[in-house]
Amino acid sequence: MKNKIEEIRKERGIRQEEFAKLMGVSRQTISSLETGKYNPSIFLAYKIAKYFEMTIEEVFIFDEEEI
């Protein structure tokens, strides 16, 4: 699943390490999310979207062909 986490995070001037602490995960988890190597739990996806004051659909791009 693709996402806009890195783009949004950088626009807001937040470092990976800082964002990871805010989300309660490791910096490596944020890095893996941003590179598409890891899909978040629905709880983490919701937490990220809520922090950015966006919907999950605005942050995460779901491609039905990936199913």
PDB file of N, CA and C in Angstrom:
ATOM      1  N   MET A   1       0.844  -1.175   0.000  1.00  0.00           N
ATOM      2  CA  MET A   1       0.000   0.000   0.000  1.00  0.00           C
ATOM      3  C   MET A   1       0.890   1.239   0.000  1.00  0.00           C
ATOM      4  N   LYS A   2       0.582   2.149  -0.879  1.00  0.00           N
ATOM      5  CA  LYS A   2       1.346   3.396  -0.945  1.00  0.00           C
ATOM      6  C   LYS A   2       0.761   4.389   0.053  1.00  0.00           C
ATOM      7  N   ASN A   3       1.579   5.394   0.379  1.00  0.00           N
ATOM      8  CA  ASN A   3       1.101   6.412   1.312  1.00  0.00           C
ATOM      9  C   ASN A   3       1.848   7.724   1.083  1.00  0.00           C
ATOM     10  N   LYS A   4       1.348   8.751   1.733  1.00  0.00           N
ATOM     11  CA  LYS A   4       1.923  10.096   1.621  1.00  0.00           C
ATOM     12  C   LYS A   4       2.578  10.546   2.925  1.00  0.00           C
ATOM     13  N   ILE A   5       2.927   9.598   3.778  1.00  0.00           N
ATOM     14  CA  ILE A   5       3.454   9.938   5.097  1.00  0.00           C
ATOM     15  C   ILE A   5       4.702  10.809   4.990  1.00  0.00           C
ATOM     16  N   GLU A   6       5.673  10.381   4.190  1.00  0.00           N
ATOM     17  CA  GLU A   6       6.924  11.134   4.086  1.00  0.00           C
ATOM     18  C   GLU A   6       6.672  12.545   3.573  1.00  0.00           C
ATOM     19  N   GLU A   7       5.866  12.647   2.542  1.00  0.00           N
ATOM     20  CA  GLU A   7       5.554  13.956   1.957  1.00  0.00           C
ATOM     21  C   GLU A   7       4.904  14.890   2.988  1.00  0.00           C
ATOM     22  N   ILE A   8       3.908  14.392   3.695  1.00  0.00           N
ATOM     23  CA  ILE A   8       3.193  15.208   4.682  1.00  0.00           C
ATOM     24  C   ILE A   8       4.107  15.555   5.849  1.00  0.00           C
ATOM     25  N   ARG A   9       4.849  14.559   6.314  1.00  0.00           N
ATOM     26  CA  ARG A   9       5.759  14.770   7.449  1.00  0.00           C
ATOM     27  C   ARG A   9       6.785  15.849   7.128  1.00  0.00           C
ATOM     28  N   LYS A  10       7.379  15.778   5.935  1.00  0.00           N
ATOM     29  CA  LYS A  10       8.393  16.765   5.539  1.00  0.00           C
ATOM     30  C   LYS A  10       7.787  18.154   5.361  1.00  0.00           C
ATOM     31  N   GLU A  11       6.580  18.217   4.798  1.00  0.00           N
ATOM     32  CA  GLU A  11       5.899  19.505   4.638  1.00  0.00           C
ATOM     33  C   GLU A  11       5.710  20.196   5.988  1.00  0.00           C
ATOM     34  N   ARG A  12       5.518  19.393   7.015  1.00  0.00           N
ATOM     35  CA  ARG A  12       5.263  19.931   8.357  1.00  0.00           C
ATOM     36  C   ARG A  12       6.533  20.056   9.191  1.00  0.00           C
ATOM     37  N   GLY A  13       7.664  19.715   8.591  1.00  0.00           N
ATOM     38  CA  GLY A  13       8.948  19.881   9.271  1.00  0.00           C
ATOM     39  C   GLY A  13       9.184  18.945  10.439  1.00  0.00           C
ATOM     40  N   ILE A  14       8.662  17.724  10.326  1.00  0.00           N
ATOM     41  CA  ILE A  14       8.803  16.749  11.404  1.00  0.00           C
ATOM     42  C   ILE A  14       9.823  15.689  10.982  1.00  0.00           C
ATOM     43  N   ARG A  15      10.807  15.426  11.840  1.00  0.00           N
ATOM     44  CA  ARG A  15      11.806  14.392  11.562  1.00  0.00           C
ATOM     45  C   ARG A  15      11.217  13.008  11.812  1.00  0.00           C
ATOM     46  N   GLN A  16      11.760  12.003  11.151  1.00  0.00           N
ATOM     47  CA  GLN A  16      11.282  10.630  11.338  1.00  0.00           C
ATOM     48  C   GLN A  16      11.303  10.227  12.802  1.00  0.00           C
ATOM     49  N   GLU A  17      12.404  10.514  13.469  1.00  0.00           N
ATOM     50  CA  GLU A  17      12.546  10.114  14.869  1.00  0.00           C
ATOM     51  C   GLU A  17      11.475  10.763  15.742  1.00  0.00           C
ATOM     52  N   GLU A  18      11.242  12.031  15.525  1.00  0.00           N
ATOM     53  CA  GLU A  18      10.223  12.759  16.286  1.00  0.00           C
ATOM     54  C   GLU A  18       8.830  12.188  16.013  1.00  0.00           C
ATOM     55  N   PHE A  19       8.544  11.927  14.742  1.00  0.00           N
ATOM     56  CA  PHE A  19       7.237  11.390  14.366  1.00  0.00           C
ATOM     57  C   PHE A  19       7.031   9.996  14.959  1.00  0.00           C
ATOM     58  N   ALA A  20       8.087   9.196  14.936  1.00  0.00           N
ATOM     59  CA  ALA A  20       8.018   7.850  15.506  1.00  0.00           C
ATOM     60  C   ALA A  20       7.641   7.909  16.985  1.00  0.00           C
ATOM     61  N   LYS A  21       8.271   8.817  17.732  1.00  0.00           N
ATOM     62  CA  LYS A  21       7.952   8.964  19.157  1.00  0.00           C
ATOM     63  C   LYS A  21       6.494   9.361  19.354  1.00  0.00           C
ATOM     64  N   LEU A  22       6.029  10.285  18.538  1.00  0.00           N
ATOM     65  CA  LEU A  22       4.636  10.729  18.631  1.00  0.00           C
ATOM     66  C   LEU A  22       3.661   9.587  18.357  1.00  0.00           C
ATOM     67  N   MET A  23       4.044   8.673  17.452  1.00  0.00           N
ATOM     68  CA  MET A  23       3.182   7.555  17.082  1.00  0.00           C
ATOM     69  C   MET A  23       3.381   6.325  17.962  1.00  0.00           C
ATOM     70  N   GLY A  24       4.413   6.356  18.802  1.00  0.00           N
ATOM     71  CA  GLY A  24       4.675   5.227  19.692  1.00  0.00           C
ATOM     72  C   GLY A  24       5.290   4.027  18.998  1.00  0.00           C
ATOM     73  N   VAL A  25       6.050   4.297  17.925  1.00  0.00           N
ATOM     74  CA  VAL A  25       6.729   3.229  17.181  1.00  0.00           C
ATOM     75  C   VAL A  25       8.192   3.601  16.995  1.00  0.00           C
ATOM     76  N   SER A  26       8.968   2.706  16.408  1.00  0.00           N
ATOM     77  CA  SER A  26      10.385   2.984  16.170  1.00  0.00           C
ATOM     78  C   SER A  26      10.564   3.834  14.906  1.00  0.00           C
ATOM     79  N   ARG A  27      11.712   4.471  14.793  1.00  0.00           N
ATOM     80  CA  ARG A  27      12.041   5.218  13.582  1.00  0.00           C
ATOM     81  C   ARG A  27      12.075   4.275  12.388  1.00  0.00           C
ATOM     82  N   GLN A  28      12.533   3.045  12.612  1.00  0.00           N
ATOM     83  CA  GLN A  28      12.596   2.058  11.537  1.00  0.00           C
ATOM     84  C   GLN A  28      11.197   1.721  11.009  1.00  0.00           C
ATOM     85  N   THR A  29      10.218   1.716  11.892  1.00  0.00           N
ATOM     86  CA  THR A  29       8.831   1.471  11.461  1.00  0.00           C
ATOM     87  C   THR A  29       8.356   2.587  10.547  1.00  0.00           C
ATOM     88  N   ILE A  30       8.647   3.822  10.920  1.00  0.00           N
ATOM     89  CA  ILE A  30       8.254   4.959  10.075  1.00  0.00           C
ATOM     90  C   ILE A  30       8.969   4.876   8.728  1.00  0.00           C
ATOM     91  N   SER A  31      10.247   4.561   8.748  1.00  0.00           N
ATOM     92  CA  SER A  31      11.008   4.414   7.508  1.00  0.00           C
ATOM     93  C   SER A  31      10.396   3.326   6.628  1.00  0.00           C
ATOM     94  N   SER A  32      10.051   2.190   7.220  1.00  0.00           N
ATOM     95  CA  SER A  32       9.454   1.082   6.462  1.00  0.00           C
ATOM     96  C   SER A  32       8.079   1.455   5.909  1.00  0.00           C
ATOM     97  N   LEU A  33       7.314   2.214   6.669  1.00  0.00           N
ATOM     98  CA  LEU A  33       6.021   2.694   6.181  1.00  0.00           C
ATOM     99  C   LEU A  33       6.218   3.599   4.968  1.00  0.00           C
ATOM    100  N   GLU A  34       7.145   4.537   5.093  1.00  0.00           N
ATOM    101  CA  GLU A  34       7.367   5.517   4.030  1.00  0.00           C
ATOM    102  C   GLU A  34       7.872   4.880   2.743  1.00  0.00           C
ATOM    103  N   THR A  35       8.612   3.798   2.851  1.00  0.00           N
ATOM    104  CA  THR A  35       9.138   3.135   1.654  1.00  0.00           C
ATOM    105  C   THR A  35       8.203   2.048   1.133  1.00  0.00           C
ATOM    106  N   GLY A  36       7.086   1.840   1.817  1.00  0.00           N
ATOM    107  CA  GLY A  36       6.110   0.846   1.370  1.00  0.00           C
ATOM    108  C   GLY A  36       6.478  -0.590   1.708  1.00  0.00           C
ATOM    109  N   LYS A  37       7.439  -0.770   2.590  1.00  0.00           N
ATOM    110  CA  LYS A  37       7.861  -2.119   2.968  1.00  0.00           C
ATOM    111  C   LYS A  37       7.024  -2.689   4.107  1.00  0.00           C
ATOM    112  N   TYR A  38       6.185  -1.860   4.697  1.00  0.00           N
ATOM    113  CA  TYR A  38       5.383  -2.273   5.844  1.00  0.00           C
ATOM    114  C   TYR A  38       4.015  -1.619   5.760  1.00  0.00           C
ATOM    115  N   ASN A  39       2.966  -2.420   5.963  1.00  0.00           N
ATOM    116  CA  ASN A  39       1.611  -1.888   6.028  1.00  0.00           C
ATOM    117  C   ASN A  39       1.218  -1.768   7.490  1.00  0.00           C
ATOM    118  N   PRO A  40       0.702  -0.618   7.887  1.00  0.00           N
ATOM    119  CA  PRO A  40       0.372  -0.413   9.300  1.00  0.00           C
ATOM    120  C   PRO A  40      -0.888  -1.160   9.709  1.00  0.00           C
ATOM    121  N   SER A  41      -1.024  -1.360  11.004  1.00  0.00           N
ATOM    122  CA  SER A  41      -2.297  -1.867  11.535  1.00  0.00           C
ATOM    123  C   SER A  41      -3.330  -0.768  11.308  1.00  0.00           C
ATOM    124  N   ILE A  42      -4.582  -1.121  11.360  1.00  0.00           N
ATOM    125  CA  ILE A  42      -5.625  -0.111  11.183  1.00  0.00           C
ATOM    126  C   ILE A  42      -5.538   0.927  12.300  1.00  0.00           C
ATOM    127  N   PHE A  43      -5.144   0.495  13.484  1.00  0.00           N
ATOM    128  CA  PHE A  43      -4.996   1.415  14.611  1.00  0.00           C
ATOM    129  C   PHE A  43      -3.909   2.452  14.321  1.00  0.00           C
ATOM    130  N   LEU A  44      -2.744   1.990  13.831  1.00  0.00           N
ATOM    131  CA  LEU A  44      -1.646   2.917  13.532  1.00  0.00           C
ATOM    132  C   LEU A  44      -2.019   3.829  12.366  1.00  0.00           C
ATOM    133  N   ALA A  45      -2.668   3.285  11.346  1.00  0.00           N
ATOM    134  CA  ALA A  45      -3.097   4.109  10.200  1.00  0.00           C
ATOM    135  C   ALA A  45      -4.038   5.211  10.674  1.00  0.00           C
ATOM    136  N   TYR A  46      -4.964   4.867  11.564  1.00  0.00           N
ATOM    137  CA  TYR A  46      -5.897   5.848  12.104  1.00  0.00           C
ATOM    138  C   TYR A  46      -5.157   6.909  12.919  1.00  0.00           C
ATOM    139  N   LYS A  47      -4.212   6.463  13.736  1.00  0.00           N
ATOM    140  CA  LYS A  47      -3.446   7.381  14.588  1.00  0.00           C
ATOM    141  C   LYS A  47      -2.648   8.375  13.739  1.00  0.00           C
ATOM    142  N   ILE A  48      -2.034   7.885  12.670  1.00  0.00           N
ATOM    143  CA  ILE A  48      -1.265   8.743  11.768  1.00  0.00           C
ATOM    144  C   ILE A  48      -2.181   9.758  11.089  1.00  0.00           C
ATOM    145  N   ALA A  49      -3.283   9.278  10.540  1.00  0.00           N
ATOM    146  CA  ALA A  49      -4.224  10.171   9.857  1.00  0.00           C
ATOM    147  C   ALA A  49      -4.782  11.217  10.821  1.00  0.00           C
ATOM    148  N   LYS A  50      -5.131  10.797  12.018  1.00  0.00           N
ATOM    149  CA  LYS A  50      -5.677  11.733  13.010  1.00  0.00           C
ATOM    150  C   LYS A  50      -4.643  12.789  13.377  1.00  0.00           C
ATOM    151  N   TYR A  51      -3.379  12.374  13.547  1.00  0.00           N
ATOM    152  CA  TYR A  51      -2.325  13.329  13.882  1.00  0.00           C
ATOM    153  C   TYR A  51      -2.199  14.392  12.789  1.00  0.00           C
ATOM    154  N   PHE A  52      -2.284  13.976  11.531  1.00  0.00           N
ATOM    155  CA  PHE A  52      -2.169  14.903  10.409  1.00  0.00           C
ATOM    156  C   PHE A  52      -3.482  15.660  10.146  1.00  0.00           C
ATOM    157  N   GLU A  53      -4.518  15.347  10.915  1.00  0.00           N
ATOM    158  CA  GLU A  53      -5.852  15.939  10.738  1.00  0.00           C
ATOM    159  C   GLU A  53      -6.374  15.675   9.332  1.00  0.00           C
ATOM    160  N   MET A  54      -6.225  14.420   8.919  1.00  0.00           N
ATOM    161  CA  MET A  54      -6.665  13.969   7.607  1.00  0.00           C
ATOM    162  C   MET A  54      -7.419  12.651   7.775  1.00  0.00           C
ATOM    163  N   THR A  55      -8.048  12.195   6.700  1.00  0.00           N
ATOM    164  CA  THR A  55      -8.672  10.876   6.727  1.00  0.00           C
ATOM    165  C   THR A  55      -7.618   9.831   6.353  1.00  0.00           C
ATOM    166  N   ILE A  56      -7.898   8.591   6.684  1.00  0.00           N
ATOM    167  CA  ILE A  56      -6.988   7.506   6.309  1.00  0.00           C
ATOM    168  C   ILE A  56      -6.811   7.487   4.790  1.00  0.00           C
ATOM    169  N   GLU A  57      -7.892   7.725   4.055  1.00  0.00           N
ATOM    170  CA  GLU A  57      -7.847   7.702   2.594  1.00  0.00           C
ATOM    171  C   GLU A  57      -6.988   8.823   2.013  1.00  0.00           C
ATOM    172  N   GLU A  58      -6.842   9.918   2.738  1.00  0.00           N
ATOM    173  CA  GLU A  58      -5.998  11.016   2.270  1.00  0.00           C
ATOM    174  C   GLU A  58      -4.516  10.713   2.469  1.00  0.00           C
ATOM    175  N   VAL A  59      -4.196   9.864   3.425  1.00  0.00           N
ATOM    176  CA  VAL A  59      -2.806   9.529   3.739  1.00  0.00           C
ATOM    177  C   VAL A  59      -2.361   8.252   3.030  1.00  0.00           C
ATOM    178  N   PHE A  60      -3.253   7.263   2.988  1.00  0.00           N
ATOM    179  CA  PHE A  60      -2.918   5.958   2.424  1.00  0.00           C
ATOM    180  C   PHE A  60      -3.652   5.734   1.110  1.00  0.00           C
ATOM    181  N   ILE A  61      -2.928   5.262   0.108  1.00  0.00           N
ATOM    182  CA  ILE A  61      -3.496   5.016  -1.217  1.00  0.00           C
ATOM    183  C   ILE A  61      -3.696   3.520  -1.386  1.00  0.00           C
ATOM    184  N   PHE A  62      -4.957   3.105  -1.399  1.00  0.00           N
ATOM    185  CA  PHE A  62      -5.283   1.693  -1.520  1.00  0.00           C
ATOM    186  C   PHE A  62      -5.468   1.341  -2.984  1.00  0.00           C
ATOM    187  N   ASP A  63      -4.750   0.344  -3.438  1.00  0.00           N
ATOM    188  CA  ASP A  63      -4.852  -0.131  -4.822  1.00  0.00           C
ATOM    189  C   ASP A  63      -5.469  -1.511  -4.794  1.00  0.00           C
ATOM    190  N   GLU A  64      -6.697  -1.634  -5.299  1.00  0.00           N
ATOM    191  CA  GLU A  64      -7.414  -2.909  -5.262  1.00  0.00           C
ATOM    192  C   GLU A  64      -6.670  -4.007  -6.013  1.00  0.00           C
ATOM    193  N   GLU A  65      -5.813  -3.650  -6.934  1.00  0.00           N
ATOM    194  CA  GLU A  65      -5.051  -4.651  -7.684  1.00  0.00           C
ATOM    195  C   GLU A  65      -4.004  -5.333  -6.817  1.00  0.00           C
ATOM    196  N   GLU A  66      -3.693  -4.763  -5.654  1.00  0.00           N
ATOM    197  CA  GLU A  66      -2.713  -5.350  -4.750  1.00  0.00           C
ATOM    198  C   GLU A  66      -3.284  -6.498  -3.934  1.00  0.00           C
ATOM    199  N   ILE A  67      -4.590  -6.678  -3.996  1.00  0.00           N
ATOM    200  CA  ILE A  67      -5.235  -7.727  -3.192  1.00  0.00           C
ATOM    201  C   ILE A  67      -4.883  -9.091  -3.754  1.00  0.00           C
TER     202      ILE A  67
END
